[in-house]
PDB file of all heavy atoms in Angstrom:
ATOM      1  N   GLY A   1      88.203  90.733  91.838  1.00  0.00           N
ATOM      2  CA  GLY A   1      87.242  89.787  92.364  1.00  0.00           C
ATOM      3  C   GLY A   1      87.857  88.635  93.121  1.00  0.00           C
ATOM      4  O   GLY A   1      87.139  87.890  93.797  1.00  0.00           O
ATOM      5  N   ARG A   2      89.173  88.472  93.019  1.00  0.00           N
ATOM      6  CA  ARG A   2      89.861  87.385  93.707  1.00  0.00           C
ATOM      7  C   ARG A   2      90.841  87.870  94.764  1.00  0.00           C
ATOM      8  O   ARG A   2      91.018  87.220  95.792  1.00  0.00           O
ATOM      9  CB  ARG A   2      90.609  86.506  92.702  1.00  0.00           C
ATOM     10  CG  ARG A   2      89.715  85.846  91.665  1.00  0.00           C
ATOM     11  CD  ARG A   2      90.486  84.833  90.816  1.00  0.00           C
ATOM     12  NE  ARG A   2      91.539  85.476  90.028  1.00  0.00           N
ATOM     13  CZ  ARG A   2      92.833  85.205  90.149  1.00  0.00           C
ATOM     14  NH1 ARG A   2      93.247  84.297  91.022  1.00  0.00           N
ATOM     15  NH2 ARG A   2      93.716  85.826  89.379  1.00  0.00           N
ATOM     16  N   PHE A   3      91.479  89.005  94.516  1.00  0.00           N
ATOM     17  CA  PHE A   3      92.482  89.545  95.431  1.00  0.00           C
ATOM     18  C   PHE A   3      91.935  90.785  96.119  1.00  0.00           C
ATOM     19  O   PHE A   3      91.166  91.552  95.528  1.00  0.00           O
ATOM     20  CB  PHE A   3      93.758  89.940  94.685  1.00  0.00           C
ATOM     21  CG  PHE A   3      94.562  88.790  94.134  1.00  0.00           C
ATOM     22  CD1 PHE A   3      94.062  87.496  94.085  1.00  0.00           C
ATOM     23  CD2 PHE A   3      95.846  89.024  93.655  1.00  0.00           C
ATOM     24  CE1 PHE A   3      94.810  86.455  93.568  1.00  0.00           C
ATOM     25  CE2 PHE A   3      96.604  87.985  93.138  1.00  0.00           C
ATOM     26  CZ  PHE A   3      96.091  86.707  93.091  1.00  0.00           C
ATOM     27  N   THR A   4      92.360  90.998  97.350  1.00  0.00           N
ATOM     28  CA  THR A   4      91.979  92.182  98.101  1.00  0.00           C
ATOM     29  C   THR A   4      93.195  92.764  98.795  1.00  0.00           C
ATOM     30  O   THR A   4      93.886  92.057  99.530  1.00  0.00           O
ATOM     31  CB  THR A   4      90.903  91.865  99.150  1.00  0.00           C
ATOM     32  OG1 THR A   4      89.758  91.290  98.516  1.00  0.00           O
ATOM     33  CG2 THR A   4      90.481  93.139  99.878  1.00  0.00           C
ATOM     34  N   ILE A   5      93.449  94.036  98.554  1.00  0.00           N
ATOM     35  CA  ILE A   5      94.537  94.720  99.230  1.00  0.00           C
ATOM     36  C   ILE A   5      93.958  95.541 100.371  1.00  0.00           C
ATOM     37  O   ILE A   5      92.872  96.118 100.258  1.00  0.00           O
ATOM     38  CB  ILE A   5      95.340  95.611  98.262  1.00  0.00           C
ATOM     39  CG1 ILE A   5      96.614  96.138  98.931  1.00  0.00           C
ATOM     40  CG2 ILE A   5      94.490  96.747  97.711  1.00  0.00           C
ATOM     41  CD1 ILE A   5      97.578  96.809  97.964  1.00  0.00           C
ATOM     42  N   SER A   6      94.668  95.583 101.475  1.00  0.00           N
ATOM     43  CA  SER A   6      94.194  96.330 102.623  1.00  0.00           C
ATOM     44  C   SER A   6      95.369  96.806 103.453  1.00  0.00           C
ATOM     45  O   SER A   6      96.484  96.281 103.354  1.00  0.00           O
ATOM     46  CB  SER A   6      93.246  95.485 103.480  1.00  0.00           C
ATOM     47  OG  SER A   6      93.906  94.346 103.999  1.00  0.00           O
ATOM     48  N   ARG A   7      95.119  97.792 104.262  1.00  0.00           N
ATOM     49  CA  ARG A   7      96.101  98.293 105.208  1.00  0.00           C
ATOM     50  C   ARG A   7      95.712  97.883 106.608  1.00  0.00           C
ATOM     51  O   ARG A   7      94.531  97.820 106.947  1.00  0.00           O
ATOM     52  CB  ARG A   7      96.217  99.810 105.096  1.00  0.00           C
ATOM     53  CG  ARG A   7      96.883 100.293 103.832  1.00  0.00           C
ATOM     54  CD  ARG A   7      96.665 101.763 103.624  1.00  0.00           C
ATOM     55  NE  ARG A   7      97.144 102.569 104.751  1.00  0.00           N
ATOM     56  CZ  ARG A   7      97.041 103.884 104.830  1.00  0.00           C
ATOM     57  NH1 ARG A   7      96.478 104.553 103.828  1.00  0.00           N
ATOM     58  NH2 ARG A   7      97.486 104.529 105.896  1.00  0.00           N
ATOM     59  N   GLY A   8      96.712  97.609 107.417  1.00  0.00           N
ATOM     60  CA  GLY A   8      96.468  97.247 108.795  1.00  0.00           C
ATOM     61  C   GLY A   8      96.223  98.458 109.663  1.00  0.00           C
ATOM     62  O   GLY A   8      96.291  99.606 109.218  1.00  0.00           O
ATOM     63  N   ASN A   9      95.905  98.171 110.928  1.00  0.00           N
ATOM     64  CA  ASN A   9      95.731  99.267 111.880  1.00  0.00           C
ATOM     65  C   ASN A   9      97.005 100.088 112.021  1.00  0.00           C
ATOM     66  O   ASN A   9      96.942 101.302 112.233  1.00  0.00           O
ATOM     67  CB  ASN A   9      95.299  98.715 113.236  1.00  0.00           C
ATOM     68  CG  ASN A   9      93.914  98.117 113.210  1.00  0.00           C
ATOM     69  OD1 ASN A   9      93.061  98.536 112.430  1.00  0.00           O
ATOM     70  ND2 ASN A   9      93.677  97.142 114.076  1.00  0.00           N
ATOM     71  N   VAL A  10      98.137  99.415 111.897  1.00  0.00           N
ATOM     72  CA  VAL A  10      99.414 100.100 111.778  1.00  0.00           C
ATOM     73  C   VAL A  10      99.578 100.472 110.311  1.00  0.00           C
ATOM     74  O   VAL A  10      99.637  99.602 109.447  1.00  0.00           O
ATOM     75  CB  VAL A  10     100.575  99.222 112.252  1.00  0.00           C
ATOM     76  CG1 VAL A  10     101.902  99.962 112.088  1.00  0.00           C
ATOM     77  CG2 VAL A  10     100.373  98.809 113.696  1.00  0.00           C
ATOM     78  N   GLU A  11      99.641 101.734 110.018  1.00  0.00           N
ATOM     79  CA  GLU A  11      99.495 102.212 108.652  1.00  0.00           C
ATOM     80  C   GLU A  11     100.687 101.928 107.757  1.00  0.00           C
ATOM     81  O   GLU A  11     100.601 102.135 106.545  1.00  0.00           O
ATOM     82  CB  GLU A  11      99.167 103.706 108.647  1.00  0.00           C
ATOM     83  CG  GLU A  11      97.807 104.012 109.248  1.00  0.00           C
ATOM     84  CD  GLU A  11      97.418 105.468 109.133  1.00  0.00           C
ATOM     85  OE1 GLU A  11      98.209 106.264 108.582  1.00  0.00           O
ATOM     86  OE2 GLU A  11      96.317 105.818 109.586  1.00  0.00           O
ATOM     87  N   ASN A  12     101.769 101.415 108.315  1.00  0.00           N
ATOM     88  CA  ASN A  12     102.891 101.025 107.476  1.00  0.00           C
ATOM     89  C   ASN A  12     102.871  99.534 107.154  1.00  0.00           C
ATOM     90  O   ASN A  12     103.889  98.965 106.768  1.00  0.00           O
ATOM     91  CB  ASN A  12     104.220 101.419 108.119  1.00  0.00           C
ATOM     92  CG  ASN A  12     104.445 100.716 109.454  1.00  0.00           C
ATOM     93  OD1 ASN A  12     103.548 100.127 110.034  1.00  0.00           O
ATOM     94  ND2 ASN A  12     105.682 100.783 109.941  1.00  0.00           N
ATOM     95  N   THR A  13     101.721  98.913 107.305  1.00  0.00           N
ATOM     96  CA  THR A  13     101.531  97.506 106.996  1.00  0.00           C
ATOM     97  C   THR A  13     100.479  97.359 105.913  1.00  0.00           C
ATOM     98  O   THR A  13      99.440  98.025 105.953  1.00  0.00           O
ATOM     99  CB  THR A  13     101.108  96.712 108.242  1.00  0.00           C
ATOM    100  OG1 THR A  13     102.075  96.879 109.275  1.00  0.00           O
ATOM    101  CG2 THR A  13     100.975  95.230 107.918  1.00  0.00           C
ATOM    102  N   VAL A  14     100.740  96.502 104.952  1.00  0.00           N
ATOM    103  CA  VAL A  14      99.788  96.253 103.883  1.00  0.00           C
ATOM    104  C   VAL A  14      99.666  94.750 103.675  1.00  0.00           C
ATOM    105  O   VAL A  14     100.636  94.004 103.849  1.00  0.00           O
ATOM    106  CB  VAL A  14     100.207  96.975 102.580  1.00  0.00           C
ATOM    107  CG1 VAL A  14     101.502  96.391 102.015  1.00  0.00           C
ATOM    108  CG2 VAL A  14      99.092  96.923 101.542  1.00  0.00           C
ATOM    109  N   TYR A  15      98.467  94.309 103.311  1.00  0.00           N
ATOM    110  CA  TYR A  15      98.182  92.905 103.098  1.00  0.00           C
ATOM    111  C   TYR A  15      97.620  92.689 101.702  1.00  0.00           C
ATOM    112  O   TYR A  15      97.016  93.579 101.110  1.00  0.00           O
ATOM    113  CB  TYR A  15      97.159  92.393 104.118  1.00  0.00           C
ATOM    114  CG  TYR A  15      97.570  92.588 105.551  1.00  0.00           C
ATOM    115  CD1 TYR A  15      97.164  93.722 106.252  1.00  0.00           C
ATOM    116  CD2 TYR A  15      98.354  91.653 106.204  1.00  0.00           C
ATOM    117  CE1 TYR A  15      97.540  93.905 107.571  1.00  0.00           C
ATOM    118  CE2 TYR A  15      98.733  91.832 107.521  1.00  0.00           C
ATOM    119  CZ  TYR A  15      98.321  92.958 108.200  1.00  0.00           C
ATOM    120  OH  TYR A  15      98.697  93.136 109.507  1.00  0.00           O
ATOM    121  N   LEU A  16      97.819  91.499 101.212  1.00  0.00           N
ATOM    122  CA  LEU A  16      97.192  91.085  99.970  1.00  0.00           C
ATOM    123  C   LEU A  16      96.573  89.715 100.194  1.00  0.00           C
ATOM    124  O   LEU A  16      97.293  88.722 100.328  1.00  0.00           O
ATOM    125  CB  LEU A  16      98.202  91.022  98.819  1.00  0.00           C
ATOM    126  CG  LEU A  16      97.610  90.675  97.452  1.00  0.00           C
ATOM    127  CD1 LEU A  16      96.701  91.795  96.961  1.00  0.00           C
ATOM    128  CD2 LEU A  16      98.707  90.389  96.436  1.00  0.00           C
ATOM    129  N   GLN A  17      95.251  89.685 100.272  1.00  0.00           N
ATOM    130  CA  GLN A  17      94.538  88.426 100.395  1.00  0.00           C
ATOM    131  C   GLN A  17      94.243  87.901  99.003  1.00  0.00           C
ATOM    132  O   GLN A  17      93.602  88.583  98.202  1.00  0.00           O
ATOM    133  CB  GLN A  17      93.247  88.604 101.184  1.00  0.00           C
ATOM    134  CG  GLN A  17      92.480  87.300 101.381  1.00  0.00           C
ATOM    135  CD  GLN A  17      91.227  87.469 102.209  1.00  0.00           C
ATOM    136  OE1 GLN A  17      91.132  88.378 103.021  1.00  0.00           O
ATOM    137  NE2 GLN A  17      90.271  86.588 102.017  1.00  0.00           N
ATOM    138  N   MET A  18      94.706  86.707  98.726  1.00  0.00           N
ATOM    139  CA  MET A  18      94.581  86.114  97.413  1.00  0.00           C
ATOM    140  C   MET A  18      93.720  84.865  97.520  1.00  0.00           C
ATOM    141  O   MET A  18      94.092  83.907  98.199  1.00  0.00           O
ATOM    142  CB  MET A  18      95.958  85.764  96.836  1.00  0.00           C
ATOM    143  CG  MET A  18      96.920  86.947  96.790  1.00  0.00           C
ATOM    144  SD  MET A  18      98.512  86.531  96.012  1.00  0.00           S
ATOM    145  CE  MET A  18      99.145  85.362  97.216  1.00  0.00           C
ATOM    146  N   ASN A  19      92.580  84.891  96.856  1.00  0.00           N
ATOM    147  CA  ASN A  19      91.654  83.772  96.855  1.00  0.00           C
ATOM    148  C   ASN A  19      91.541  83.181  95.464  1.00  0.00           C
ATOM    149  O   ASN A  19      91.823  83.843  94.467  1.00  0.00           O
ATOM    150  CB  ASN A  19      90.271  84.216  97.333  1.00  0.00           C
ATOM    151  CG  ASN A  19      90.263  84.716  98.752  1.00  0.00           C
ATOM    152  OD1 ASN A  19      90.986  84.214  99.606  1.00  0.00           O
ATOM    153  ND2 ASN A  19      89.416  85.711  99.024  1.00  0.00           N
ATOM    154  N   ASN A  20      91.088  81.939  95.418  1.00  0.00           N
ATOM    155  CA  ASN A  20      90.895  81.241  94.148  1.00  0.00           C
ATOM    156  C   ASN A  20      92.127  81.367  93.263  1.00  0.00           C
ATOM    157  O   ASN A  20      92.046  81.756  92.096  1.00  0.00           O
ATOM    158  CB  ASN A  20      89.652  81.774  93.438  1.00  0.00           C
ATOM    159  CG  ASN A  20      89.242  80.920  92.256  1.00  0.00           C
ATOM    160  OD1 ASN A  20      89.558  79.734  92.189  1.00  0.00           O
ATOM    161  ND2 ASN A  20      88.539  81.521  91.301  1.00  0.00           N
ATOM    162  N   LEU A  21      93.256  81.017  93.817  1.00  0.00           N
ATOM    163  CA  LEU A  21      94.507  81.162  93.089  1.00  0.00           C
ATOM    164  C   LEU A  21      94.557  80.248  91.876  1.00  0.00           C
ATOM    165  O   LEU A  21      94.067  79.119  91.898  1.00  0.00           O
ATOM    166  CB  LEU A  21      95.682  80.880  94.011  1.00  0.00           C
ATOM    167  CG  LEU A  21      96.008  82.032  94.969  1.00  0.00           C
ATOM    168  CD1 LEU A  21      96.814  81.538  96.155  1.00  0.00           C
ATOM    169  CD2 LEU A  21      96.765  83.129  94.222  1.00  0.00           C
ATOM    170  N   LYS A  22      95.162  80.770  90.829  1.00  0.00           N
ATOM    171  CA  LYS A  22      95.296  80.061  89.574  1.00  0.00           C
ATOM    172  C   LYS A  22      96.769  79.866  89.251  1.00  0.00           C
ATOM    173  O   LYS A  22      97.617  80.627  89.724  1.00  0.00           O
ATOM    174  CB  LYS A  22      94.614  80.845  88.447  1.00  0.00           C
ATOM    175  CG  LYS A  22      93.141  81.117  88.691  1.00  0.00           C
ATOM    176  CD  LYS A  22      92.540  81.965  87.579  1.00  0.00           C
ATOM    177  CE  LYS A  22      91.066  82.212  87.819  1.00  0.00           C
ATOM    178  NZ  LYS A  22      90.460  83.011  86.733  1.00  0.00           N
ATOM    179  N   PRO A  23      97.090  78.868  88.442  1.00  0.00           N
ATOM    180  CA  PRO A  23      98.500  78.665  88.090  1.00  0.00           C
ATOM    181  C   PRO A  23      99.165  79.909  87.516  1.00  0.00           C
ATOM    182  O   PRO A  23     100.359  80.136  87.763  1.00  0.00           O
ATOM    183  CB  PRO A  23      98.443  77.530  87.061  1.00  0.00           C
ATOM    184  CG  PRO A  23      97.224  76.751  87.445  1.00  0.00           C
ATOM    185  CD  PRO A  23      96.235  77.789  87.908  1.00  0.00           C
ATOM    186  N   GLU A  24      98.424  80.714  86.777  1.00  0.00           N
ATOM    187  CA  GLU A  24      98.998  81.916  86.200  1.00  0.00           C
ATOM    188  C   GLU A  24      99.304  82.997  87.231  1.00  0.00           C
ATOM    189  O   GLU A  24      99.937  84.011  86.905  1.00  0.00           O
ATOM    190  CB  GLU A  24      98.085  82.487  85.103  1.00  0.00           C
ATOM    191  CG  GLU A  24      96.649  82.693  85.541  1.00  0.00           C
ATOM    192  CD  GLU A  24      95.738  81.546  85.137  1.00  0.00           C
ATOM    193  OE1 GLU A  24      96.164  80.373  85.253  1.00  0.00           O
ATOM    194  OE2 GLU A  24      94.598  81.812  84.701  1.00  0.00           O
ATOM    195  N   ASP A  25      98.865  82.802  88.472  1.00  0.00           N
ATOM    196  CA  ASP A  25      99.215  83.724  89.546  1.00  0.00           C
ATOM    197  C   ASP A  25     100.598  83.457  90.113  1.00  0.00           C
ATOM    198  O   ASP A  25     101.108  84.260  90.900  1.00  0.00           O
ATOM    199  CB  ASP A  25      98.193  83.647  90.684  1.00  0.00           C
ATOM    200  CG  ASP A  25      96.813  84.106  90.274  1.00  0.00           C
ATOM    201  OD1 ASP A  25      96.707  85.123  89.555  1.00  0.00           O
ATOM    202  OD2 ASP A  25      95.825  83.458  90.683  1.00  0.00           O
ATOM    203  N   ALA A  26     101.185  82.344  89.763  1.00  0.00           N
ATOM    204  CA  ALA A  26     102.499  81.997  90.291  1.00  0.00           C
ATOM    205  C   ALA A  26     103.535  83.024  89.848  1.00  0.00           C
ATOM    206  O   ALA A  26     103.653  83.342  88.660  1.00  0.00           O
ATOM    207  CB  ALA A  26     102.906  80.599  89.831  1.00  0.00           C
ATOM    208  N   ALA A  27     104.265  83.549  90.794  1.00  0.00           N
ATOM    209  CA  ALA A  27     105.248  84.588  90.522  1.00  0.00           C
ATOM    210  C   ALA A  27     105.954  84.947  91.819  1.00  0.00           C
ATOM    211  O   ALA A  27     105.566  84.492  92.899  1.00  0.00           O
ATOM    212  CB  ALA A  27     104.580  85.837  89.936  1.00  0.00           C
ATOM    213  N   VAL A  28     106.969  85.766  91.699  1.00  0.00           N
ATOM    214  CA  VAL A  28     107.538  86.415  92.866  1.00  0.00           C
ATOM    215  C   VAL A  28     106.758  87.704  93.082  1.00  0.00           C
ATOM    216  O   VAL A  28     106.631  88.520  92.171  1.00  0.00           O
ATOM    217  CB  VAL A  28     109.034  86.708  92.698  1.00  0.00           C
ATOM    218  CG1 VAL A  28     109.569  87.453  93.918  1.00  0.00           C
ATOM    219  CG2 VAL A  28     109.808  85.412  92.487  1.00  0.00           C
ATOM    220  N   TYR A  29     106.233  87.866  94.269  1.00  0.00           N
ATOM    221  CA  TYR A  29     105.442  89.036  94.608  1.00  0.00           C
ATOM    222  C   TYR A  29     106.290  90.012  95.406  1.00  0.00           C
ATOM    223  O   TYR A  29     106.927  89.639  96.400  1.00  0.00           O
ATOM    224  CB  TYR A  29     104.198  88.631  95.404  1.00  0.00           C
ATOM    225  CG  TYR A  29     103.112  88.030  94.545  1.00  0.00           C
ATOM    226  CD1 TYR A  29     103.273  86.772  93.974  1.00  0.00           C
ATOM    227  CD2 TYR A  29     101.936  88.731  94.290  1.00  0.00           C
ATOM    228  CE1 TYR A  29     102.296  86.228  93.165  1.00  0.00           C
ATOM    229  CE2 TYR A  29     100.950  88.189  93.491  1.00  0.00           C
ATOM    230  CZ  TYR A  29     101.129  86.943  92.928  1.00  0.00           C
ATOM    231  OH  TYR A  29     100.148  86.399  92.127  1.00  0.00           O
ATOM    232  N   TYR A  30     106.285  91.258  94.973  1.00  0.00           N
ATOM    233  CA  TYR A  30     107.091  92.299  95.589  1.00  0.00           C
ATOM    234  C   TYR A  30     106.210  93.363  96.214  1.00  0.00           C
ATOM    235  O   TYR A  30     105.299  93.880  95.573  1.00  0.00           O
ATOM    236  CB  TYR A  30     107.997  92.978  94.559  1.00  0.00           C
ATOM    237  CG  TYR A  30     109.010  92.065  93.915  1.00  0.00           C
ATOM    238  CD1 TYR A  30     108.706  91.376  92.753  1.00  0.00           C
ATOM    239  CD2 TYR A  30     110.274  91.903  94.470  1.00  0.00           C
ATOM    240  CE1 TYR A  30     109.628  90.537  92.152  1.00  0.00           C
ATOM    241  CE2 TYR A  30     111.205  91.074  93.876  1.00  0.00           C
ATOM    242  CZ  TYR A  30     110.879  90.396  92.721  1.00  0.00           C
ATOM    243  OH  TYR A  30     111.807  89.571  92.126  1.00  0.00           O
ATOM    244  N   CYS A  31     106.500  93.697  97.430  1.00  0.00           N
ATOM    245  CA  CYS A  31     105.852  94.816  98.090  1.00  0.00           C
ATOM    246  C   CYS A  31     106.589  96.094  97.729  1.00  0.00           C
ATOM    247  O   CYS A  31     107.819  96.098  97.589  1.00  0.00           O
ATOM    248  CB  CYS A  31     105.857  94.610  99.602  1.00  0.00           C
ATOM    249  SG  CYS A  31     105.046  95.921 100.544  1.00  0.00           S
ATOM    250  N   THR A  32     105.851  97.168  97.571  1.00  0.00           N
ATOM    251  CA  THR A  32     106.466  98.445  97.254  1.00  0.00           C
ATOM    252  C   THR A  32     105.785  99.562  98.021  1.00  0.00           C
ATOM    253  O   THR A  32     104.597  99.476  98.347  1.00  0.00           O
ATOM    254  CB  THR A  32     106.413  98.733  95.740  1.00  0.00           C
ATOM    255  OG1 THR A  32     107.161  99.914  95.441  1.00  0.00           O
ATOM    256  CG2 THR A  32     104.974  98.927  95.268  1.00  0.00           C
TER     257      THR A  32
END
C-alpha cells in the first residue's frame, strides 16, 4: 500500500516508488 515496483519501457530497468516513508524503512536498499 505504500511501495510500488515497476519496470520501465526498457525492460532491464526497475523502479521502486516509496511513499509515506517511515523510520523503520531506513536501510540500504539493494537491487537484484
